Amino acid sequence: MVLSEDQIKHIAKLARLELSEAELKKYGSQLSDVLSYVDQLREADVDGVEPTAQVTGLENIFREDAVEEWDGVERMAALDQAPDTEDGQVKVKRVLS
C-alpha cells in the first residue's frame, strides 16, 4: 500500500511530528512498507485458527495478600535504615504541591 504525500503529512500531523521533506519521504516509505506487509498478512488463511494473545502458555500467578505483623525489634530495625523518620514512620519529601 503506497501512501500519498498528503496522507503522510496528515499522519505526521496526527502524531504531532514536525518532519522535514527528507524525513517525510524516508518515514513515508517505511510506513508504506509496513502497511504493505499488513496487506500480505491479510491474505493468510486463518480459518479454524483460534485467536490468541500469546503462545508460550505462560499464565500470571497470583497469591493472596497476607498482612504479617512485625514485632517491635523488626520495626525498629527497618526504621533505623530509613534516612529520616518522624513519630515512628519513614519521613519522605513532599511529592505533590
C-alpha atoms as a PDB file:
ATOM      1  CA  MET A   1       0.000   0.000   0.000  1.00  0.00           C
ATOM      2  CA  VAL A   2       1.613   3.230  -1.123  1.00  0.00           C
ATOM      3  CA  LEU A   3       0.643   6.360   0.782  1.00  0.00           C
ATOM      4  CA  SER A   4       0.405   9.728  -0.892  1.00  0.00           C
ATOM      5  CA  GLU A   5       2.439  12.667   0.380  1.00  0.00           C
ATOM      6  CA  ASP A   6      -0.748  14.293   1.706  1.00  0.00           C
ATOM      7  CA  GLN A   7      -1.599  11.138   3.666  1.00  0.00           C
ATOM      8  CA  ILE A   8       1.889  11.003   5.152  1.00  0.00           C
ATOM      9  CA  LYS A   9       1.702  14.682   6.165  1.00  0.00           C
ATOM     10  CA  HIS A  10      -1.721  14.054   7.711  1.00  0.00           C
ATOM     11  CA  ILE A  11      -0.411  11.088   9.716  1.00  0.00           C
ATOM     12  CA  ALA A  12       2.588  13.149  10.870  1.00  0.00           C
ATOM     13  CA  LYS A  13       0.240  15.940  11.945  1.00  0.00           C
ATOM     14  CA  LEU A  14      -1.938  13.490  13.888  1.00  0.00           C
ATOM     15  CA  ALA A  15       1.186  12.183  15.614  1.00  0.00           C
ATOM     16  CA  ARG A  16       2.286  15.774  16.285  1.00  0.00           C
ATOM     17  CA  LEU A  17       5.521  15.240  14.390  1.00  0.00           C
ATOM     18  CA  GLU A  18       7.264  18.053  12.587  1.00  0.00           C
ATOM     19  CA  LEU A  19       9.113  16.312   9.779  1.00  0.00           C
ATOM     20  CA  SER A  20      11.378  17.762   7.126  1.00  0.00           C
ATOM     21  CA  GLU A  21      10.792  16.895   3.476  1.00  0.00           C
ATOM     22  CA  ALA A  22      13.583  14.287   3.630  1.00  0.00           C
ATOM     23  CA  GLU A  23      12.037  12.733   6.751  1.00  0.00           C
ATOM     24  CA  LEU A  24       8.602  12.696   5.121  1.00  0.00           C
ATOM     25  CA  LYS A  25       9.986  10.696   2.204  1.00  0.00           C
ATOM     26  CA  LYS A  26      12.027   8.343   4.421  1.00  0.00           C
ATOM     27  CA  TYR A  27       9.359   7.616   7.022  1.00  0.00           C
ATOM     28  CA  GLY A  28       6.568   7.658   4.451  1.00  0.00           C
ATOM     29  CA  SER A  29       8.346   4.936   2.510  1.00  0.00           C
ATOM     30  CA  GLN A  30       8.879   2.896   5.678  1.00  0.00           C
ATOM     31  CA  LEU A  31       5.236   3.284   6.716  1.00  0.00           C
ATOM     32  CA  SER A  32       4.087   2.233   3.249  1.00  0.00           C
ATOM     33  CA  ASP A  33       6.282  -0.872   3.524  1.00  0.00           C
ATOM     34  CA  VAL A  34       4.743  -1.759   6.896  1.00  0.00           C
ATOM     35  CA  LEU A  35       1.223  -1.335   5.530  1.00  0.00           C
ATOM     36  CA  SER A  36       2.100  -3.487   2.515  1.00  0.00           C
ATOM     37  CA  TYR A  37       3.262  -6.221   4.875  1.00  0.00           C
ATOM     38  CA  VAL A  38      -0.025  -5.970   6.773  1.00  0.00           C
ATOM     39  CA  ASP A  39      -1.830  -6.431   3.449  1.00  0.00           C
ATOM     40  CA  GLN A  40       0.203  -9.616   2.905  1.00  0.00           C
ATOM     41  CA  LEU A  41      -0.819 -10.881   6.342  1.00  0.00           C
ATOM     42  CA  ARG A  42      -4.489 -10.347   5.457  1.00  0.00           C
ATOM     43  CA  GLU A  43      -4.070 -12.904   2.664  1.00  0.00           C
ATOM     44  CA  ALA A  44      -3.111 -15.668   5.113  1.00  0.00           C
ATOM     45  CA  ASP A  45      -5.705 -18.428   5.558  1.00  0.00           C
ATOM     46  CA  VAL A  46      -6.667 -18.334   9.230  1.00  0.00           C
ATOM     47  CA  ASP A  47      -9.897 -20.324   9.067  1.00  0.00           C
ATOM     48  CA  GLY A  48     -10.126 -22.530  12.127  1.00  0.00           C
ATOM     49  CA  VAL A  49      -7.278 -20.767  13.928  1.00  0.00           C
ATOM     50  CA  GLU A  50      -8.294 -19.660  17.386  1.00  0.00           C
ATOM     51  CA  PRO A  51      -7.304 -16.062  18.264  1.00  0.00           C
ATOM     52  CA  THR A  52      -4.590 -15.814  20.896  1.00  0.00           C
ATOM     53  CA  ALA A  53      -2.730 -13.067  22.706  1.00  0.00           C
ATOM     54  CA  GLN A  54       0.347 -15.172  23.461  1.00  0.00           C
ATOM     55  CA  VAL A  55       1.592 -18.600  22.525  1.00  0.00           C
ATOM     56  CA  THR A  56       4.006 -19.556  25.293  1.00  0.00           C
ATOM     57  CA  GLY A  57       1.407 -20.947  27.685  1.00  0.00           C
ATOM     58  CA  LEU A  58       2.590 -18.679  30.477  1.00  0.00           C
ATOM     59  CA  GLU A  59      -0.012 -17.572  32.994  1.00  0.00           C
ATOM     60  CA  ASN A  60       0.031 -14.973  35.719  1.00  0.00           C
ATOM     61  CA  ILE A  61       0.428 -16.497  39.138  1.00  0.00           C
ATOM     62  CA  PHE A  62      -1.331 -14.606  41.853  1.00  0.00           C
ATOM     63  CA  ARG A  63      -1.073 -15.102  45.570  1.00  0.00           C
ATOM     64  CA  GLU A  64      -3.299 -13.829  48.287  1.00  0.00           C
ATOM     65  CA  ASP A  65      -2.052 -10.738  50.077  1.00  0.00           C
ATOM     66  CA  ALA A  66      -1.288 -11.585  53.664  1.00  0.00           C
ATOM     67  CA  VAL A  67      -0.555  -8.982  56.303  1.00  0.00           C
ATOM     68  CA  GLU A  68       2.307 -10.040  58.507  1.00  0.00           C
ATOM     69  CA  GLU A  69       2.686  -8.022  61.672  1.00  0.00           C
ATOM     70  CA  TRP A  70       6.241  -7.099  62.633  1.00  0.00           C
ATOM     71  CA  ASP A  71       7.377  -7.210  66.207  1.00  0.00           C
ATOM     72  CA  GLY A  72       8.952  -4.120  67.739  1.00  0.00           C
ATOM     73  CA  VAL A  73      12.522  -5.258  67.027  1.00  0.00           C
ATOM     74  CA  GLU A  74      11.849  -5.797  63.291  1.00  0.00           C
ATOM     75  CA  ARG A  75      10.012  -2.475  63.046  1.00  0.00           C
ATOM     76  CA  MET A  76      12.819  -0.555  64.729  1.00  0.00           C
ATOM     77  CA  ALA A  77      15.433  -2.288  62.530  1.00  0.00           C
ATOM     78  CA  ALA A  78      13.549  -1.157  59.423  1.00  0.00           C
ATOM     79  CA  LEU A  79      13.117   2.402  60.709  1.00  0.00           C
ATOM     80  CA  ASP A  80      16.806   2.581  61.609  1.00  0.00           C
ATOM     81  CA  GLN A  81      17.647   2.047  57.914  1.00  0.00           C
ATOM     82  CA  ALA A  82      15.474   4.974  56.769  1.00  0.00           C
ATOM     83  CA  PRO A  83      17.275   8.272  56.114  1.00  0.00           C
ATOM     84  CA  ASP A  84      14.662  10.251  58.088  1.00  0.00           C
ATOM     85  CA  THR A  85      11.853   9.254  60.488  1.00  0.00           C
ATOM     86  CA  GLU A  86       9.171  11.077  62.410  1.00  0.00           C
ATOM     87  CA  ASP A  87       6.766   9.685  65.022  1.00  0.00           C
ATOM     88  CA  GLY A  88       7.740   6.100  64.211  1.00  0.00           C
ATOM     89  CA  GLN A  89       7.209   6.483  60.445  1.00  0.00           C
ATOM     90  CA  VAL A  90       9.512   6.992  57.466  1.00  0.00           C
ATOM     91  CA  LYS A  91       9.574  10.673  56.512  1.00  0.00           C
ATOM     92  CA  VAL A  92       9.808  11.478  52.784  1.00  0.00           C
ATOM     93  CA  LYS A  93       9.880  14.647  50.730  1.00  0.00           C
ATOM     94  CA  ARG A  94       6.582  16.048  49.533  1.00  0.00           C
ATOM     95  CA  VAL A  95       5.566  14.561  46.200  1.00  0.00           C
ATOM     96  CA  LEU A  96       2.599  16.791  45.389  1.00  0.00           C
ATOM     97  CA  SER A  97       2.485  20.511  45.913  1.00  0.00           C
END
